[in-house]
Amino acid sequence: MSKKDVFRVVTRAEDGSIKIRDFHSAESIFRTHTQIGIDDSSTDLDLRGMPVFRGLIGPIPEGKNIAR
């Protein structure tokens, strides 16, 4: 299994457009979102233990090295 090394945050802007931003570490996401837990039930074992953030759904696997 490969390690997820890109973290993709997909959100919707106020005008309804989709915003996609890639981070190279989960720590970068802490500047804009609050962690409310950790993933402990994903069928993708690389996602287990990753942070869960308030207002975001996920983590979700997207490709071999991307967590969305």
C-alpha atoms as a PDB file:
ATOM      1  CA  MET A   1       0.000   0.000   0.000  1.00  0.00           C
ATOM      2  CA  SER A   2       1.183   3.466  -0.780  1.00  0.00           C
ATOM      3  CA  LYS A   3       1.219   6.378   1.622  1.00  0.00           C
ATOM      4  CA  LYS A   4      -1.072   9.323   0.937  1.00  0.00           C
ATOM      5  CA  ASP A   5       1.174  12.365   0.507  1.00  0.00           C
ATOM      6  CA  VAL A   6      -1.180  14.894  -1.115  1.00  0.00           C
ATOM      7  CA  PHE A   7      -4.187  16.207   0.799  1.00  0.00           C
ATOM      8  CA  ARG A   8      -6.894  17.701  -1.458  1.00  0.00           C
ATOM      9  CA  VAL A   9      -9.544  19.958   0.068  1.00  0.00           C
ATOM     10  CA  VAL A  10     -12.587  20.513  -2.157  1.00  0.00           C
ATOM     11  CA  THR A  11     -15.041  23.212  -1.061  1.00  0.00           C
ATOM     12  CA  ARG A  12     -17.714  25.410  -2.574  1.00  0.00           C
ATOM     13  CA  ALA A  13     -17.230  29.186  -2.739  1.00  0.00           C
ATOM     14  CA  GLU A  14     -19.982  31.667  -1.880  1.00  0.00           C
ATOM     15  CA  ASP A  15     -20.780  32.092  -5.585  1.00  0.00           C
ATOM     16  CA  GLY A  16     -21.287  28.319  -5.946  1.00  0.00           C
ATOM     17  CA  SER A  17     -18.038  27.578  -7.764  1.00  0.00           C
ATOM     18  CA  ILE A  18     -15.864  24.640  -6.728  1.00  0.00           C
ATOM     19  CA  LYS A  19     -12.540  25.416  -5.040  1.00  0.00           C
ATOM     20  CA  ILE A  20      -9.787  22.775  -5.002  1.00  0.00           C
ATOM     21  CA  ARG A  21      -6.614  23.206  -2.982  1.00  0.00           C
ATOM     22  CA  ASP A  22      -3.809  20.677  -2.567  1.00  0.00           C
ATOM     23  CA  PHE A  23      -1.638  20.479   0.544  1.00  0.00           C
ATOM     24  CA  HIS A  24       1.543  18.451   1.021  1.00  0.00           C
ATOM     25  CA  SER A  25       0.847  17.821   4.696  1.00  0.00           C
ATOM     26  CA  ALA A  26      -2.250  17.591   6.860  1.00  0.00           C
ATOM     27  CA  GLU A  27      -0.675  20.116   9.247  1.00  0.00           C
ATOM     28  CA  SER A  28      -1.217  22.877   6.659  1.00  0.00           C
ATOM     29  CA  ILE A  29      -4.987  22.316   6.866  1.00  0.00           C
ATOM     30  CA  PHE A  30      -4.966  23.083  10.616  1.00  0.00           C
ATOM     31  CA  ARG A  31      -4.546  26.803   9.794  1.00  0.00           C
ATOM     32  CA  THR A  32      -8.057  27.008   8.319  1.00  0.00           C
ATOM     33  CA  HIS A  33      -9.984  24.079   9.839  1.00  0.00           C
ATOM     34  CA  THR A  34     -10.528  22.576  13.287  1.00  0.00           C
ATOM     35  CA  GLN A  35      -9.788  18.905  13.865  1.00  0.00           C
ATOM     36  CA  ILE A  36     -12.699  17.068  15.512  1.00  0.00           C
ATOM     37  CA  GLY A  37     -11.369  13.512  15.461  1.00  0.00           C
ATOM     38  CA  ILE A  38      -9.427  10.892  13.544  1.00  0.00           C
ATOM     39  CA  ASP A  39     -10.527   8.386  10.933  1.00  0.00           C
ATOM     40  CA  ASP A  40     -10.728   4.913  12.418  1.00  0.00           C
ATOM     41  CA  SER A  41     -13.077   3.082  10.059  1.00  0.00           C
ATOM     42  CA  SER A  42     -11.906   3.644   6.472  1.00  0.00           C
ATOM     43  CA  THR A  43     -11.568   0.557   4.280  1.00  0.00           C
ATOM     44  CA  ASP A  44      -8.468   2.224   2.789  1.00  0.00           C
ATOM     45  CA  LEU A  45      -5.930   1.463   5.509  1.00  0.00           C
ATOM     46  CA  ASP A  46      -3.730   4.406   4.455  1.00  0.00           C
ATOM     47  CA  LEU A  47      -6.508   6.757   5.628  1.00  0.00           C
ATOM     48  CA  ARG A  48      -6.889   5.317   9.120  1.00  0.00           C
ATOM     49  CA  GLY A  49      -5.510   7.658  11.737  1.00  0.00           C
ATOM     50  CA  MET A  50      -5.825  10.728   9.496  1.00  0.00           C
ATOM     51  CA  PRO A  51      -7.510  13.799  10.971  1.00  0.00           C
ATOM     52  CA  VAL A  52     -11.223  14.554  10.487  1.00  0.00           C
ATOM     53  CA  PHE A  53     -11.995  18.274  10.217  1.00  0.00           C
ATOM     54  CA  ARG A  54     -15.155  20.212  11.133  1.00  0.00           C
ATOM     55  CA  GLY A  55     -17.122  21.176   8.020  1.00  0.00           C
ATOM     56  CA  LEU A  56     -15.322  18.736   5.719  1.00  0.00           C
ATOM     57  CA  ILE A  57     -16.289  15.231   4.646  1.00  0.00           C
ATOM     58  CA  GLY A  58     -13.487  12.733   4.571  1.00  0.00           C
ATOM     59  CA  PRO A  59     -10.836  11.616   4.369  1.00  0.00           C
ATOM     60  CA  ILE A  60     -11.726   9.930   1.068  1.00  0.00           C
ATOM     61  CA  PRO A  61      -9.185   8.127  -1.156  1.00  0.00           C
ATOM     62  CA  GLU A  62      -8.562   9.746  -4.534  1.00  0.00           C
ATOM     63  CA  GLY A  63      -5.900   7.881  -6.440  1.00  0.00           C
ATOM     64  CA  LYS A  64      -2.874   6.106  -5.017  1.00  0.00           C
ATOM     65  CA  ASN A  65      -1.297   9.035  -3.176  1.00  0.00           C
ATOM     66  CA  ILE A  66      -4.156  11.541  -2.691  1.00  0.00           C
ATOM     67  CA  ALA A  67      -6.475  11.833   0.311  1.00  0.00           C
ATOM     68  CA  ARG A  68      -9.462  14.075  -0.345  1.00  0.00           C
END
